[in-house]
Amino acid sequence: MVTEEHNLMGTDDDPRWDAPEGRVLLNQMAGLPDDDPCPATERKAVSVAIARASHMNERSMQNRLYADLISRKHRFIVPNTTVFGWESDLISVTGAGYVHEYEIKISRSDFKADLKKSRHRRLVQDGTKKYYRGPAYFYYAVPRDMVRVDEVPDYAGLIFVYPMMQIIKKAPRLNKNKISQMQTAWLQRSIMARFWKERLKNGTDV
């Protein structure tokens, strides 16, 4: 959990980072042992990113991704939907029909825990198998510097969403499958269901 003290130490040149207690705090925020010999500059980058992430949440990062993807002419952009047998934080579909999945993380502990999930075994299955309908591209979307490129699996890409949108590592294509008619219908149904849920909840005429 990021405290108010962490937020106050949210700039790279804050002198408190160089004090003994600051170095311990850096390690704690980066998820490292207090006496870890990790270079100070790396600890600082990771920890400042964590502090910045306290101002972000999954929805605000979805909004940033949406703005970027709509400018890239993706034709479907749907948050929190289940298409492949697991819930995806965000799904987008290109004009050519290729599905991109975005896994949003705002903490290192959440990122590390996600790597242990069984769905990652499916992501690396042979995409030529007819039964396999996973995304063509898979990305982790995180605040800047929270995750290093060498921590990201070979089959995944990495995007820094905050404070600026940057593709740090381009995701490799996992398969040649395009979105199926059934998956398209599922996304359309998901969008319709959310529209009516919000309309009925708010009691407004849209």
N, C-alpha and C. Protein backbone atom coordinates (compact mmCIF):
# COMPACT_ATOMS: atom_id res chain seq x y z
N MET A 1 0.84 -1.19 0.00
CA MET A 1 0.00 0.00 0.00
C MET A 1 0.88 1.24 0.00
N VAL A 2 0.57 2.21 -0.85
CA VAL A 2 1.34 3.44 -0.92
C VAL A 2 0.74 4.46 0.01
N THR A 3 1.53 4.98 0.93
CA THR A 3 1.03 5.94 1.91
C THR A 3 1.24 7.35 1.43
N GLU A 4 0.69 8.32 2.18
CA GLU A 4 0.86 9.72 1.84
C GLU A 4 2.33 10.11 1.86
N GLU A 5 3.10 9.50 2.78
CA GLU A 5 4.54 9.78 2.83
C GLU A 5 5.20 9.38 1.51
N HIS A 6 4.78 8.24 0.95
CA HIS A 6 5.34 7.80 -0.32
C HIS A 6 5.02 8.81 -1.41
N ASN A 7 3.78 9.32 -1.40
CA ASN A 7 3.39 10.27 -2.43
C ASN A 7 4.20 11.56 -2.34
N LEU A 8 4.52 11.99 -1.12
CA LEU A 8 5.30 13.21 -0.95
C LEU A 8 6.71 13.02 -1.50
N MET A 9 7.18 11.77 -1.46
CA MET A 9 8.50 11.47 -2.01
C MET A 9 8.36 11.01 -3.44
N GLY A 10 7.58 11.72 -4.22
CA GLY A 10 7.24 11.29 -5.56
C GLY A 10 8.07 11.91 -6.66
N THR A 11 9.22 12.50 -6.35
CA THR A 11 10.07 13.06 -7.39
C THR A 11 11.45 12.44 -7.29
N ASP A 12 12.11 12.30 -8.44
CA ASP A 12 13.40 11.63 -8.48
C ASP A 12 14.49 12.37 -7.70
N ASP A 13 14.36 13.70 -7.56
CA ASP A 13 15.42 14.47 -6.91
C ASP A 13 15.15 14.77 -5.44
N ASP A 14 14.16 14.12 -4.84
CA ASP A 14 13.89 14.33 -3.42
C ASP A 14 15.09 13.84 -2.61
N PRO A 15 15.72 14.70 -1.78
CA PRO A 15 16.93 14.30 -1.05
C PRO A 15 16.70 13.19 -0.05
N ARG A 16 15.46 12.98 0.36
CA ARG A 16 15.20 11.93 1.36
C ARG A 16 15.47 10.54 0.81
N TRP A 17 15.48 10.38 -0.55
CA TRP A 17 15.80 9.08 -1.11
C TRP A 17 17.21 8.63 -0.73
N ASP A 18 18.12 9.58 -0.52
CA ASP A 18 19.52 9.24 -0.28
C ASP A 18 19.84 9.00 1.20
N ALA A 19 18.91 9.31 2.08
CA ALA A 19 19.12 9.05 3.51
C ALA A 19 18.95 7.55 3.77
N PRO A 20 19.58 7.04 4.86
CA PRO A 20 19.46 5.60 5.14
C PRO A 20 18.02 5.11 5.20
N GLU A 21 17.14 5.88 5.88
CA GLU A 21 15.75 5.45 5.96
C GLU A 21 15.06 5.52 4.59
N GLY A 22 15.53 6.45 3.75
CA GLY A 22 14.98 6.55 2.41
C GLY A 22 15.33 5.35 1.57
N ARG A 23 16.55 4.84 1.74
CA ARG A 23 16.97 3.66 0.96
C ARG A 23 16.16 2.44 1.38
N VAL A 24 15.89 2.32 2.68
CA VAL A 24 15.07 1.21 3.15
C VAL A 24 13.67 1.33 2.57
N LEU A 25 13.11 2.55 2.58
CA LEU A 25 11.78 2.77 2.06
C LEU A 25 11.71 2.44 0.57
N LEU A 26 12.75 2.80 -0.16
CA LEU A 26 12.82 2.48 -1.59
C LEU A 26 12.70 0.98 -1.81
N ASN A 27 13.48 0.23 -1.03
CA ASN A 27 13.44 -1.23 -1.17
C ASN A 27 12.07 -1.78 -0.83
N GLN A 28 11.46 -1.26 0.24
CA GLN A 28 10.14 -1.75 0.65
C GLN A 28 9.10 -1.47 -0.42
N MET A 29 9.15 -0.28 -1.01
CA MET A 29 8.18 0.10 -2.04
C MET A 29 8.39 -0.70 -3.31
N ALA A 30 9.64 -1.09 -3.56
CA ALA A 30 9.95 -1.88 -4.75
C ALA A 30 9.75 -3.37 -4.52
N GLY A 31 9.33 -3.75 -3.30
CA GLY A 31 9.11 -5.16 -3.01
C GLY A 31 10.39 -5.94 -2.80
N LEU A 32 11.45 -5.25 -2.33
CA LEU A 32 12.75 -5.88 -2.13
C LEU A 32 13.08 -5.92 -0.64
N PRO A 33 13.97 -6.83 -0.21
CA PRO A 33 14.43 -6.83 1.18
C PRO A 33 15.07 -5.48 1.53
N ASP A 34 15.01 -5.11 2.82
CA ASP A 34 15.54 -3.81 3.24
C ASP A 34 17.00 -3.61 2.85
N ASP A 35 17.79 -4.72 2.88
CA ASP A 35 19.23 -4.60 2.61
C ASP A 35 19.58 -5.06 1.20
N ASP A 36 18.60 -5.12 0.29
CA ASP A 36 18.87 -5.58 -1.06
C ASP A 36 19.88 -4.65 -1.74
N PRO A 37 20.89 -5.22 -2.44
CA PRO A 37 21.93 -4.39 -3.07
C PRO A 37 21.53 -3.82 -4.43
N CYS A 38 20.24 -3.92 -4.79
CA CYS A 38 19.77 -3.39 -6.07
C CYS A 38 20.23 -1.94 -6.22
N PRO A 39 20.77 -1.54 -7.40
CA PRO A 39 21.25 -0.17 -7.59
C PRO A 39 20.22 0.87 -7.20
N ALA A 40 20.67 1.92 -6.54
CA ALA A 40 19.76 2.94 -6.04
C ALA A 40 18.92 3.56 -7.14
N THR A 41 19.53 3.78 -8.31
CA THR A 41 18.79 4.42 -9.39
C THR A 41 17.62 3.55 -9.85
N GLU A 42 17.83 2.23 -9.86
CA GLU A 42 16.76 1.33 -10.26
C GLU A 42 15.67 1.27 -9.21
N ARG A 43 16.08 1.21 -7.93
CA ARG A 43 15.10 1.23 -6.85
C ARG A 43 14.25 2.48 -6.93
N LYS A 44 14.92 3.60 -7.19
CA LYS A 44 14.22 4.88 -7.21
C LYS A 44 13.20 4.91 -8.34
N ALA A 45 13.59 4.45 -9.52
CA ALA A 45 12.69 4.47 -10.67
C ALA A 45 11.44 3.63 -10.39
N VAL A 46 11.65 2.43 -9.84
CA VAL A 46 10.53 1.56 -9.55
C VAL A 46 9.63 2.15 -8.47
N SER A 47 10.23 2.70 -7.42
CA SER A 47 9.46 3.20 -6.30
C SER A 47 8.69 4.46 -6.65
N VAL A 48 9.31 5.35 -7.41
CA VAL A 48 8.60 6.55 -7.84
C VAL A 48 7.42 6.16 -8.71
N ALA A 49 7.60 5.15 -9.54
CA ALA A 49 6.50 4.68 -10.37
C ALA A 49 5.36 4.16 -9.51
N ILE A 50 5.70 3.46 -8.43
CA ILE A 50 4.66 2.95 -7.53
C ILE A 50 3.92 4.11 -6.88
N ALA A 51 4.65 5.14 -6.47
CA ALA A 51 4.01 6.31 -5.88
C ALA A 51 3.07 6.97 -6.88
N ARG A 52 3.51 7.08 -8.12
CA ARG A 52 2.66 7.68 -9.14
C ARG A 52 1.42 6.82 -9.38
N ALA A 53 1.60 5.52 -9.27
CA ALA A 53 0.48 4.60 -9.53
C ALA A 53 -0.63 4.76 -8.52
N SER A 54 -0.32 5.33 -7.34
CA SER A 54 -1.35 5.52 -6.33
C SER A 54 -2.43 6.48 -6.81
N HIS A 55 -2.11 7.28 -7.84
CA HIS A 55 -3.08 8.22 -8.38
C HIS A 55 -3.85 7.60 -9.54
N MET A 56 -3.54 6.36 -9.89
CA MET A 56 -4.19 5.68 -11.00
C MET A 56 -5.01 4.51 -10.47
N ASN A 57 -5.99 4.11 -11.24
CA ASN A 57 -6.69 2.88 -10.96
C ASN A 57 -7.00 2.20 -12.29
N GLU A 58 -7.59 1.03 -12.23
CA GLU A 58 -7.82 0.28 -13.46
C GLU A 58 -8.68 1.06 -14.45
N ARG A 59 -9.72 1.71 -13.95
CA ARG A 59 -10.62 2.43 -14.85
C ARG A 59 -9.93 3.60 -15.55
N SER A 60 -9.15 4.37 -14.80
CA SER A 60 -8.47 5.52 -15.42
C SER A 60 -7.46 5.05 -16.46
N MET A 61 -6.82 3.90 -16.22
CA MET A 61 -5.88 3.38 -17.21
C MET A 61 -6.62 2.81 -18.42
N GLN A 62 -7.78 2.23 -18.19
CA GLN A 62 -8.60 1.79 -19.32
C GLN A 62 -8.99 2.99 -20.19
N ASN A 63 -9.32 4.10 -19.55
CA ASN A 63 -9.70 5.29 -20.30
C ASN A 63 -8.56 5.79 -21.17
N ARG A 64 -7.34 5.76 -20.64
CA ARG A 64 -6.18 6.20 -21.41
C ARG A 64 -5.92 5.27 -22.59
N LEU A 65 -6.05 3.98 -22.33
CA LEU A 65 -5.86 3.01 -23.41
C LEU A 65 -6.93 3.19 -24.49
N TYR A 66 -8.16 3.42 -24.07
CA TYR A 66 -9.25 3.63 -25.03
C TYR A 66 -8.94 4.81 -25.95
N ALA A 67 -8.51 5.93 -25.35
CA ALA A 67 -8.22 7.11 -26.16
C ALA A 67 -7.12 6.82 -27.18
N ASP A 68 -6.12 6.04 -26.79
CA ASP A 68 -5.04 5.71 -27.70
C ASP A 68 -5.50 4.75 -28.79
N LEU A 69 -6.25 3.73 -28.40
CA LEU A 69 -6.67 2.69 -29.34
C LEU A 69 -7.69 3.21 -30.35
N ILE A 70 -8.57 4.10 -29.93
CA ILE A 70 -9.57 4.63 -30.85
C ILE A 70 -8.88 5.48 -31.91
N SER A 71 -7.76 6.12 -31.52
CA SER A 71 -7.01 6.90 -32.50
C SER A 71 -6.28 6.00 -33.49
N ARG A 72 -6.08 4.73 -33.10
CA ARG A 72 -5.43 3.76 -33.99
C ARG A 72 -6.45 2.95 -34.80
N LYS A 73 -7.70 3.38 -34.73
CA LYS A 73 -8.77 2.79 -35.54
C LYS A 73 -9.14 1.36 -35.14
N HIS A 74 -8.92 1.02 -33.85
CA HIS A 74 -9.43 -0.27 -33.39
C HIS A 74 -10.96 -0.18 -33.35
N ARG A 75 -11.64 -1.22 -33.82
CA ARG A 75 -13.08 -1.10 -34.00
C ARG A 75 -13.91 -1.58 -32.81
N PHE A 76 -13.35 -2.41 -31.96
CA PHE A 76 -13.98 -2.79 -30.70
C PHE A 76 -13.00 -2.53 -29.59
N ILE A 77 -13.43 -1.86 -28.53
CA ILE A 77 -12.60 -1.65 -27.34
C ILE A 77 -13.51 -1.86 -26.14
N VAL A 78 -13.36 -2.98 -25.46
CA VAL A 78 -14.30 -3.37 -24.41
C VAL A 78 -13.55 -3.71 -23.13
N PRO A 79 -13.88 -3.05 -22.02
CA PRO A 79 -13.21 -3.36 -20.74
C PRO A 79 -13.90 -4.50 -20.00
N ASN A 80 -13.13 -5.19 -19.19
CA ASN A 80 -13.65 -6.19 -18.25
C ASN A 80 -14.65 -7.13 -18.90
N THR A 81 -14.18 -7.89 -19.86
CA THR A 81 -15.05 -8.82 -20.56
C THR A 81 -14.39 -10.20 -20.62
N THR A 82 -15.19 -11.23 -20.81
CA THR A 82 -14.70 -12.60 -20.88
C THR A 82 -14.91 -13.12 -22.29
N VAL A 83 -13.82 -13.33 -22.99
CA VAL A 83 -13.87 -13.82 -24.37
C VAL A 83 -13.15 -15.15 -24.51
N PHE A 84 -12.08 -15.34 -23.73
CA PHE A 84 -11.22 -16.51 -23.90
C PHE A 84 -11.29 -17.50 -22.74
N GLY A 85 -12.30 -17.37 -21.89
CA GLY A 85 -12.37 -18.26 -20.74
C GLY A 85 -11.81 -17.64 -19.48
N TRP A 86 -11.35 -16.41 -19.57
CA TRP A 86 -10.90 -15.67 -18.40
C TRP A 86 -11.30 -14.21 -18.60
N GLU A 87 -11.38 -13.45 -17.51
CA GLU A 87 -11.74 -12.04 -17.64
C GLU A 87 -10.53 -11.23 -18.08
N SER A 88 -10.73 -10.42 -19.10
CA SER A 88 -9.68 -9.55 -19.61
C SER A 88 -9.95 -8.12 -19.16
N ASP A 89 -8.89 -7.43 -18.70
CA ASP A 89 -9.06 -6.05 -18.27
C ASP A 89 -9.49 -5.16 -19.42
N LEU A 90 -9.00 -5.43 -20.62
CA LEU A 90 -9.40 -4.67 -21.80
C LEU A 90 -9.11 -5.52 -23.04
N ILE A 91 -10.07 -5.52 -23.95
CA ILE A 91 -9.94 -6.20 -25.24
C ILE A 91 -10.14 -5.17 -26.34
N SER A 92 -9.30 -5.22 -27.36
CA SER A 92 -9.53 -4.38 -28.53
C SER A 92 -9.37 -5.25 -29.78
N VAL A 93 -10.04 -4.83 -30.84
CA VAL A 93 -9.99 -5.57 -32.10
C VAL A 93 -9.61 -4.59 -33.20
N THR A 94 -8.58 -4.92 -33.94
CA THR A 94 -8.13 -4.05 -35.02
C THR A 94 -9.09 -4.12 -36.21
N GLY A 95 -8.88 -3.19 -37.14
CA GLY A 95 -9.70 -3.21 -38.35
C GLY A 95 -9.55 -4.49 -39.13
N ALA A 96 -8.39 -5.13 -39.01
CA ALA A 96 -8.14 -6.39 -39.72
C ALA A 96 -8.70 -7.60 -38.96
N GLY A 97 -9.22 -7.37 -37.74
CA GLY A 97 -9.85 -8.45 -37.00
C GLY A 97 -8.99 -9.15 -35.98
N TYR A 98 -7.79 -8.63 -35.69
CA TYR A 98 -6.91 -9.27 -34.71
C TYR A 98 -7.21 -8.73 -33.30
N VAL A 99 -7.27 -9.66 -32.36
CA VAL A 99 -7.62 -9.30 -30.99
C VAL A 99 -6.37 -8.99 -30.18
N HIS A 100 -6.40 -7.86 -29.47
CA HIS A 100 -5.35 -7.48 -28.54
C HIS A 100 -5.93 -7.54 -27.13
N GLU A 101 -5.21 -8.16 -26.22
CA GLU A 101 -5.63 -8.18 -24.82
C GLU A 101 -4.65 -7.36 -23.99
N TYR A 102 -5.19 -6.58 -23.05
CA TYR A 102 -4.37 -5.73 -22.20
C TYR A 102 -4.64 -6.09 -20.73
N GLU A 103 -3.60 -6.50 -20.06
CA GLU A 103 -3.67 -6.81 -18.63
C GLU A 103 -3.11 -5.59 -17.88
N ILE A 104 -3.96 -4.93 -17.12
CA ILE A 104 -3.60 -3.69 -16.43
C ILE A 104 -3.13 -4.00 -15.02
N LYS A 105 -1.96 -3.47 -14.66
CA LYS A 105 -1.42 -3.66 -13.32
C LYS A 105 -0.97 -2.31 -12.75
N ILE A 106 -1.31 -2.09 -11.48
CA ILE A 106 -0.89 -0.84 -10.83
C ILE A 106 -0.02 -1.11 -9.61
N SER A 107 0.36 -2.37 -9.41
CA SER A 107 1.30 -2.69 -8.33
C SER A 107 2.19 -3.84 -8.78
N ARG A 108 3.41 -3.87 -8.27
CA ARG A 108 4.33 -4.95 -8.63
C ARG A 108 3.87 -6.29 -8.09
N SER A 109 3.29 -6.27 -6.90
CA SER A 109 2.83 -7.53 -6.31
C SER A 109 1.72 -8.14 -7.17
N ASP A 110 0.84 -7.31 -7.70
CA ASP A 110 -0.23 -7.79 -8.57
C ASP A 110 0.34 -8.34 -9.87
N PHE A 111 1.36 -7.66 -10.40
CA PHE A 111 2.01 -8.13 -11.63
C PHE A 111 2.64 -9.50 -11.41
N LYS A 112 3.37 -9.66 -10.32
CA LYS A 112 4.03 -10.94 -10.05
C LYS A 112 3.02 -12.06 -9.84
N ALA A 113 1.91 -11.73 -9.16
CA ALA A 113 0.88 -12.74 -8.91
C ALA A 113 0.22 -13.16 -10.22
N ASP A 114 0.06 -12.22 -11.13
CA ASP A 114 -0.61 -12.53 -12.39
C ASP A 114 0.18 -13.55 -13.21
N LEU A 115 1.51 -13.49 -13.12
CA LEU A 115 2.35 -14.40 -13.91
C LEU A 115 2.14 -15.86 -13.53
N LYS A 116 1.55 -16.09 -12.34
CA LYS A 116 1.34 -17.46 -11.87
C LYS A 116 0.00 -18.04 -12.32
N LYS A 117 -0.83 -17.23 -12.96
CA LYS A 117 -2.16 -17.68 -13.33
C LYS A 117 -2.08 -18.69 -14.49
N SER A 118 -3.01 -19.64 -14.47
CA SER A 118 -2.99 -20.73 -15.45
C SER A 118 -3.23 -20.25 -16.88
N ARG A 119 -3.88 -19.12 -17.05
CA ARG A 119 -4.19 -18.66 -18.40
C ARG A 119 -2.94 -18.41 -19.23
N HIS A 120 -1.79 -18.16 -18.56
CA HIS A 120 -0.56 -17.89 -19.30
C HIS A 120 -0.09 -19.13 -20.06
N ARG A 121 -0.45 -20.31 -19.57
CA ARG A 121 -0.10 -21.53 -20.31
C ARG A 121 -0.86 -21.58 -21.62
N ARG A 122 -2.08 -21.05 -21.62
CA ARG A 122 -2.88 -21.04 -22.84
C ARG A 122 -2.36 -20.00 -23.83
N LEU A 123 -1.80 -18.93 -23.32
CA LEU A 123 -1.30 -17.88 -24.21
C LEU A 123 -0.16 -18.36 -25.09
N VAL A 124 0.58 -19.36 -24.62
CA VAL A 124 1.74 -19.83 -25.38
C VAL A 124 1.46 -21.13 -26.13
N GLN A 125 0.19 -21.54 -26.16
CA GLN A 125 -0.16 -22.72 -26.95
C GLN A 125 0.07 -22.45 -28.43
N ASP A 126 0.19 -23.50 -29.17
CA ASP A 126 0.36 -23.39 -30.61
C ASP A 126 -0.88 -22.76 -31.22
N GLY A 127 -0.70 -21.55 -31.78
CA GLY A 127 -1.84 -20.82 -32.32
C GLY A 127 -2.45 -21.45 -33.55
N THR A 128 -1.81 -22.47 -34.12
CA THR A 128 -2.37 -23.12 -35.31
C THR A 128 -3.46 -24.12 -34.96
N LYS A 129 -3.57 -24.47 -33.69
CA LYS A 129 -4.60 -25.43 -33.29
C LYS A 129 -5.98 -24.78 -33.43
N LYS A 130 -6.87 -25.48 -34.05
CA LYS A 130 -8.15 -24.89 -34.39
C LYS A 130 -8.96 -24.50 -33.15
N TYR A 131 -8.79 -25.24 -32.06
CA TYR A 131 -9.59 -24.96 -30.88
C TYR A 131 -9.08 -23.73 -30.12
N TYR A 132 -7.87 -23.28 -30.45
CA TYR A 132 -7.28 -22.18 -29.69
C TYR A 132 -7.77 -20.84 -30.22
N ARG A 133 -8.37 -20.04 -29.35
CA ARG A 133 -8.90 -18.75 -29.76
C ARG A 133 -8.46 -17.65 -28.81
N GLY A 134 -7.23 -17.70 -28.38
CA GLY A 134 -6.70 -16.65 -27.52
C GLY A 134 -6.40 -15.40 -28.33
N PRO A 135 -5.96 -14.34 -27.67
CA PRO A 135 -5.66 -13.10 -28.39
C PRO A 135 -4.46 -13.27 -29.32
N ALA A 136 -4.45 -12.48 -30.37
CA ALA A 136 -3.30 -12.50 -31.27
C ALA A 136 -2.12 -11.77 -30.65
N TYR A 137 -2.41 -10.80 -29.78
CA TYR A 137 -1.38 -10.02 -29.11
C TYR A 137 -1.78 -9.81 -27.65
N PHE A 138 -0.79 -9.90 -26.76
CA PHE A 138 -1.05 -9.74 -25.33
C PHE A 138 -0.08 -8.71 -24.75
N TYR A 139 -0.63 -7.72 -24.04
CA TYR A 139 0.19 -6.65 -23.45
C TYR A 139 -0.05 -6.51 -21.96
N TYR A 140 1.00 -6.17 -21.23
CA TYR A 140 0.87 -5.65 -19.88
C TYR A 140 0.86 -4.13 -19.98
N ALA A 141 -0.08 -3.51 -19.29
CA ALA A 141 -0.19 -2.05 -19.28
C ALA A 141 0.01 -1.58 -17.84
N VAL A 142 1.04 -0.77 -17.61
CA VAL A 142 1.43 -0.38 -16.25
C VAL A 142 1.84 1.09 -16.23
N PRO A 143 1.93 1.70 -15.03
CA PRO A 143 2.52 3.03 -14.94
C PRO A 143 4.00 2.97 -15.30
N ARG A 144 4.55 4.09 -15.69
CA ARG A 144 5.94 4.14 -16.16
C ARG A 144 6.92 3.58 -15.14
N ASP A 145 7.81 2.72 -15.62
CA ASP A 145 8.94 2.17 -14.86
C ASP A 145 8.53 1.21 -13.75
N MET A 146 7.25 0.85 -13.64
CA MET A 146 6.87 -0.06 -12.56
C MET A 146 7.37 -1.47 -12.84
N VAL A 147 7.45 -1.83 -14.12
CA VAL A 147 7.90 -3.15 -14.53
C VAL A 147 9.03 -2.98 -15.54
N ARG A 148 10.07 -3.79 -15.39
CA ARG A 148 11.18 -3.75 -16.35
C ARG A 148 10.87 -4.66 -17.54
N VAL A 149 11.46 -4.34 -18.65
CA VAL A 149 11.24 -5.13 -19.86
C VAL A 149 11.67 -6.58 -19.64
N ASP A 150 12.78 -6.80 -18.93
CA ASP A 150 13.27 -8.17 -18.75
C ASP A 150 12.39 -8.99 -17.80
N GLU A 151 11.40 -8.36 -17.17
CA GLU A 151 10.47 -9.09 -16.31
C GLU A 151 9.24 -9.56 -17.08
N VAL A 152 9.08 -9.06 -18.28
CA VAL A 152 7.89 -9.38 -19.08
C VAL A 152 8.14 -10.66 -19.87
N PRO A 153 7.21 -11.60 -19.86
CA PRO A 153 7.40 -12.86 -20.62
C PRO A 153 7.64 -12.58 -22.10
N ASP A 154 8.29 -13.53 -22.76
CA ASP A 154 8.60 -13.37 -24.18
C ASP A 154 7.35 -13.17 -25.03
N TYR A 155 6.24 -13.78 -24.63
CA TYR A 155 5.03 -13.74 -25.43
C TYR A 155 4.19 -12.47 -25.20
N ALA A 156 4.67 -11.58 -24.31
CA ALA A 156 3.88 -10.39 -23.96
C ALA A 156 4.60 -9.11 -24.34
N GLY A 157 3.82 -8.07 -24.57
CA GLY A 157 4.35 -6.74 -24.79
C GLY A 157 4.20 -5.91 -23.52
N LEU A 158 4.77 -4.71 -23.53
CA LEU A 158 4.72 -3.84 -22.36
C LEU A 158 4.40 -2.41 -22.80
N ILE A 159 3.39 -1.83 -22.15
CA ILE A 159 2.99 -0.45 -22.41
C ILE A 159 3.04 0.34 -21.12
N PHE A 160 3.69 1.50 -21.16
CA PHE A 160 3.60 2.45 -20.06
C PHE A 160 2.43 3.38 -20.35
N VAL A 161 1.43 3.35 -19.48
CA VAL A 161 0.21 4.12 -19.71
C VAL A 161 0.27 5.49 -19.06
N TYR A 162 0.97 5.60 -17.95
CA TYR A 162 1.01 6.84 -17.18
C TYR A 162 2.45 7.18 -16.83
N PRO A 163 2.87 8.44 -16.92
CA PRO A 163 2.09 9.63 -17.30
C PRO A 163 1.94 9.81 -18.81
N MET A 164 2.74 9.10 -19.62
CA MET A 164 2.63 9.19 -21.07
C MET A 164 2.44 7.80 -21.65
N MET A 165 1.68 7.70 -22.74
CA MET A 165 1.47 6.42 -23.39
C MET A 165 2.70 6.06 -24.22
N GLN A 166 3.35 4.94 -23.87
CA GLN A 166 4.54 4.51 -24.58
C GLN A 166 4.53 2.99 -24.74
N ILE A 167 4.74 2.51 -25.96
CA ILE A 167 4.92 1.08 -26.17
C ILE A 167 6.40 0.78 -25.96
N ILE A 168 6.71 0.16 -24.83
CA ILE A 168 8.10 -0.12 -24.47
C ILE A 168 8.59 -1.39 -25.14
N LYS A 169 7.71 -2.36 -25.24
CA LYS A 169 8.05 -3.62 -25.91
C LYS A 169 6.85 -4.05 -26.74
N LYS A 170 7.05 -4.19 -28.02
CA LYS A 170 5.96 -4.60 -28.90
C LYS A 170 5.68 -6.08 -28.71
N ALA A 171 4.41 -6.41 -28.56
CA ALA A 171 4.03 -7.81 -28.35
C ALA A 171 4.20 -8.60 -29.64
N PRO A 172 4.75 -9.81 -29.55
CA PRO A 172 4.83 -10.67 -30.74
C PRO A 172 3.45 -11.23 -31.08
N ARG A 173 3.25 -11.58 -32.31
CA ARG A 173 1.96 -12.19 -32.68
C ARG A 173 1.95 -13.63 -32.20
N LEU A 174 0.93 -13.98 -31.43
CA LEU A 174 0.83 -15.30 -30.83
C LEU A 174 0.17 -16.31 -31.76
N ASN A 175 -0.67 -15.83 -32.67
CA ASN A 175 -1.36 -16.71 -33.59
C ASN A 175 -1.90 -15.89 -34.76
N LYS A 176 -2.42 -16.55 -35.74
CA LYS A 176 -2.96 -15.87 -36.93
C LYS A 176 -4.48 -15.81 -36.92
N ASN A 177 -5.07 -16.16 -35.79
CA ASN A 177 -6.52 -16.18 -35.70
C ASN A 177 -7.10 -14.78 -35.64
N LYS A 178 -8.19 -14.60 -36.38
CA LYS A 178 -8.95 -13.36 -36.29
C LYS A 178 -10.18 -13.61 -35.42
N ILE A 179 -10.78 -12.54 -34.95
CA ILE A 179 -11.93 -12.69 -34.07
C ILE A 179 -13.03 -13.48 -34.78
N SER A 180 -13.63 -14.41 -34.08
CA SER A 180 -14.67 -15.25 -34.67
C SER A 180 -16.02 -14.54 -34.60
N GLN A 181 -16.97 -15.04 -35.34
CA GLN A 181 -18.32 -14.49 -35.31
C GLN A 181 -18.92 -14.63 -33.91
N MET A 182 -18.65 -15.75 -33.27
CA MET A 182 -19.18 -15.96 -31.92
C MET A 182 -18.57 -14.96 -30.94
N GLN A 183 -17.28 -14.72 -31.04
CA GLN A 183 -16.63 -13.76 -30.14
C GLN A 183 -17.11 -12.33 -30.41
N THR A 184 -17.33 -12.01 -31.68
CA THR A 184 -17.85 -10.69 -32.03
C THR A 184 -19.24 -10.50 -31.44
N ALA A 185 -20.07 -11.51 -31.56
CA ALA A 185 -21.42 -11.44 -31.01
C ALA A 185 -21.38 -11.29 -29.50
N TRP A 186 -20.41 -11.98 -28.86
CA TRP A 186 -20.28 -11.90 -27.40
C TRP A 186 -19.90 -10.49 -26.96
N LEU A 187 -18.97 -9.86 -27.69
CA LEU A 187 -18.57 -8.50 -27.35
C LEU A 187 -19.74 -7.53 -27.56
N GLN A 188 -20.47 -7.70 -28.63
CA GLN A 188 -21.62 -6.83 -28.89
C GLN A 188 -22.67 -6.99 -27.80
N ARG A 189 -22.90 -8.23 -27.39
CA ARG A 189 -23.87 -8.48 -26.33
C ARG A 189 -23.40 -7.87 -25.01
N SER A 190 -22.10 -7.95 -24.74
CA SER A 190 -21.53 -7.37 -23.52
C SER A 190 -21.74 -5.86 -23.49
N ILE A 191 -21.49 -5.21 -24.63
CA ILE A 191 -21.67 -3.75 -24.71
C ILE A 191 -23.14 -3.39 -24.51
N MET A 192 -24.04 -4.13 -25.15
CA MET A 192 -25.48 -3.87 -25.02
C MET A 192 -25.94 -4.04 -23.57
N ALA A 193 -25.49 -5.12 -22.93
CA ALA A 193 -25.90 -5.39 -21.56
C ALA A 193 -25.46 -4.28 -20.62
N ARG A 194 -24.26 -3.76 -20.81
CA ARG A 194 -23.79 -2.68 -19.95
C ARG A 194 -24.57 -1.40 -20.17
N PHE A 195 -24.90 -1.12 -21.41
CA PHE A 195 -25.69 0.06 -21.71
C PHE A 195 -27.01 0.03 -20.97
N TRP A 196 -27.72 -1.09 -21.07
CA TRP A 196 -29.02 -1.19 -20.43
C TRP A 196 -28.92 -1.24 -18.91
N LYS A 197 -27.88 -1.84 -18.42
CA LYS A 197 -27.68 -1.87 -16.96
C LYS A 197 -27.53 -0.46 -16.41
N GLU A 198 -26.70 0.36 -17.09
CA GLU A 198 -26.49 1.74 -16.64
C GLU A 198 -27.76 2.56 -16.81
N ARG A 199 -28.46 2.36 -17.90
CA ARG A 199 -29.69 3.13 -18.15
C ARG A 199 -30.75 2.82 -17.10
N LEU A 200 -30.94 1.54 -16.81
CA LEU A 200 -31.95 1.16 -15.83
C LEU A 200 -31.56 1.57 -14.41
N LYS A 201 -30.26 1.48 -14.12
CA LYS A 201 -29.78 1.86 -12.79
C LYS A 201 -29.97 3.34 -12.54
N ASN A 202 -29.67 4.15 -13.54
CA ASN A 202 -29.76 5.60 -13.39
C ASN A 202 -31.16 6.15 -13.60
N GLY A 203 -32.02 5.32 -14.20
CA GLY A 203 -33.37 5.77 -14.42
C GLY A 203 -33.47 6.95 -15.37
N THR A 204 -32.55 6.99 -16.36
CA THR A 204 -32.52 8.11 -17.30
C THR A 204 -32.89 7.63 -18.69
N ASP A 205 -33.40 8.57 -19.48
CA ASP A 205 -33.69 8.29 -20.88
C ASP A 205 -32.47 8.68 -21.70
N VAL A 206 -31.94 7.75 -22.48
CA VAL A 206 -30.74 8.01 -23.27
C VAL A 206 -31.12 8.08 -24.73
